[in-house]
């Protein structure tokens, strides 16, 4: 019996909450707002409100996911 190959998707197994939490810890809300210009990062930001927005806004979620992948590749 062989094990299946590991996924090459850098987002495999990473929840949106986990990646957002890591990015905010690294960049802060101001850094997030500079990189992805959305209101939920600029005005009264929170993980909860940002998750709600990102889950219903595919283009913003894609930008945040791309930022996460880019940050992970530089480490």
C-alpha atoms as a PDB file:
ATOM      1  CA  UNK A   1       0.000   0.000   0.000  1.00  0.00           C
ATOM      2  CA  UNK A   2       1.445   3.382  -0.981  1.00  0.00           C
ATOM      3  CA  UNK A   3       0.660   6.775   0.449  1.00  0.00           C
ATOM      4  CA  UNK A   4      -0.809   9.397  -1.836  1.00  0.00           C
ATOM      5  CA  UNK A   5       1.579  12.140  -2.942  1.00  0.00           C
ATOM      6  CA  UNK A   6       1.567  15.340  -0.919  1.00  0.00           C
ATOM      7  CA  UNK A   7      -0.512  18.171  -2.304  1.00  0.00           C
ATOM      8  CA  UNK A   8       1.420  20.864  -4.129  1.00  0.00           C
ATOM      9  CA  UNK A   9      -1.246  23.433  -3.335  1.00  0.00           C
ATOM     10  CA  UNK A  10       0.328  25.867  -0.836  1.00  0.00           C
ATOM     11  CA  UNK A  11      -3.129  26.537   0.618  1.00  0.00           C
ATOM     12  CA  UNK A  12      -3.885  22.851   1.209  1.00  0.00           C
ATOM     13  CA  UNK A  13      -5.069  22.418   4.793  1.00  0.00           C
ATOM     14  CA  UNK A  14      -4.883  26.137   5.601  1.00  0.00           C
ATOM     15  CA  UNK A  15      -8.143  27.725   6.673  1.00  0.00           C
ATOM     16  CA  UNK A  16      -9.021  31.272   5.709  1.00  0.00           C
ATOM     17  CA  UNK A  17      -9.039  32.191   9.403  1.00  0.00           C
ATOM     18  CA  UNK A  18      -5.536  30.769   9.924  1.00  0.00           C
ATOM     19  CA  UNK A  19      -4.002  32.560   6.954  1.00  0.00           C
ATOM     20  CA  UNK A  20      -5.706  35.850   7.832  1.00  0.00           C
ATOM     21  CA  UNK A  21      -4.563  35.573  11.453  1.00  0.00           C
ATOM     22  CA  UNK A  22      -0.974  34.898  10.361  1.00  0.00           C
ATOM     23  CA  UNK A  23      -0.962  37.798   7.907  1.00  0.00           C
ATOM     24  CA  UNK A  24      -2.380  40.231  10.459  1.00  0.00           C
ATOM     25  CA  UNK A  25       0.190  39.085  13.043  1.00  0.00           C
ATOM     26  CA  UNK A  26       2.991  39.652  10.526  1.00  0.00           C
ATOM     27  CA  UNK A  27       1.782  42.788   8.711  1.00  0.00           C
ATOM     28  CA  UNK A  28      -0.782  44.362  11.020  1.00  0.00           C
ATOM     29  CA  UNK A  29      -4.094  45.790   9.842  1.00  0.00           C
ATOM     30  CA  UNK A  30      -2.415  48.815   8.252  1.00  0.00           C
ATOM     31  CA  UNK A  31      -0.096  46.548   6.288  1.00  0.00           C
ATOM     32  CA  UNK A  32      -3.041  44.452   5.143  1.00  0.00           C
ATOM     33  CA  UNK A  33      -4.947  47.575   4.074  1.00  0.00           C
ATOM     34  CA  UNK A  34      -1.914  48.808   2.110  1.00  0.00           C
ATOM     35  CA  UNK A  35      -1.687  45.525   0.214  1.00  0.00           C
ATOM     36  CA  UNK A  36      -5.414  44.765  -0.211  1.00  0.00           C
ATOM     37  CA  UNK A  37      -7.450  47.973  -0.240  1.00  0.00           C
ATOM     38  CA  UNK A  38     -10.756  46.971   1.333  1.00  0.00           C
ATOM     39  CA  UNK A  39     -12.795  48.734   4.029  1.00  0.00           C
ATOM     40  CA  UNK A  40     -12.784  45.762   6.415  1.00  0.00           C
ATOM     41  CA  UNK A  41      -9.006  46.190   6.811  1.00  0.00           C
ATOM     42  CA  UNK A  42      -9.087  49.998   7.119  1.00  0.00           C
ATOM     43  CA  UNK A  43     -12.064  50.833   9.345  1.00  0.00           C
ATOM     44  CA  UNK A  44     -12.601  49.055  12.673  1.00  0.00           C
ATOM     45  CA  UNK A  45     -10.904  45.843  11.494  1.00  0.00           C
ATOM     46  CA  UNK A  46     -11.458  42.477  13.131  1.00  0.00           C
ATOM     47  CA  UNK A  47     -10.852  38.884  12.149  1.00  0.00           C
ATOM     48  CA  UNK A  48     -14.598  38.143  12.333  1.00  0.00           C
ATOM     49  CA  UNK A  49     -15.712  40.992  10.047  1.00  0.00           C
ATOM     50  CA  UNK A  50     -12.852  40.373   7.622  1.00  0.00           C
ATOM     51  CA  UNK A  51     -13.683  36.668   7.369  1.00  0.00           C
ATOM     52  CA  UNK A  52     -17.330  37.465   6.629  1.00  0.00           C
ATOM     53  CA  UNK A  53     -16.308  39.897   3.882  1.00  0.00           C
ATOM     54  CA  UNK A  54     -13.665  37.626   2.340  1.00  0.00           C
ATOM     55  CA  UNK A  55     -16.002  34.623   2.271  1.00  0.00           C
ATOM     56  CA  UNK A  56     -18.546  36.512   0.164  1.00  0.00           C
ATOM     57  CA  UNK A  57     -16.090  38.480  -2.012  1.00  0.00           C
ATOM     58  CA  UNK A  58     -14.059  36.136  -4.250  1.00  0.00           C
ATOM     59  CA  UNK A  59     -11.743  38.790  -5.731  1.00  0.00           C
ATOM     60  CA  UNK A  60     -10.673  40.038  -2.278  1.00  0.00           C
ATOM     61  CA  UNK A  61     -10.208  36.500  -0.976  1.00  0.00           C
ATOM     62  CA  UNK A  62      -8.027  35.679  -3.994  1.00  0.00           C
ATOM     63  CA  UNK A  63      -5.825  38.712  -3.255  1.00  0.00           C
ATOM     64  CA  UNK A  64      -5.421  37.748   0.401  1.00  0.00           C
ATOM     65  CA  UNK A  65      -4.642  34.134  -0.514  1.00  0.00           C
ATOM     66  CA  UNK A  66      -2.074  35.283  -3.099  1.00  0.00           C
ATOM     67  CA  UNK A  67      -0.468  37.548  -0.490  1.00  0.00           C
ATOM     68  CA  UNK A  68      -0.261  34.616   1.940  1.00  0.00           C
ATOM     69  CA  UNK A  69       1.345  32.338  -0.656  1.00  0.00           C
ATOM     70  CA  UNK A  70       3.832  35.046  -1.650  1.00  0.00           C
ATOM     71  CA  UNK A  71       4.799  35.637   2.002  1.00  0.00           C
ATOM     72  CA  UNK A  72       5.270  31.904   2.603  1.00  0.00           C
ATOM     73  CA  UNK A  73       7.549  31.564  -0.432  1.00  0.00           C
ATOM     74  CA  UNK A  74       9.872  34.286   0.855  1.00  0.00           C
ATOM     75  CA  UNK A  75      10.375  32.510   4.179  1.00  0.00           C
END
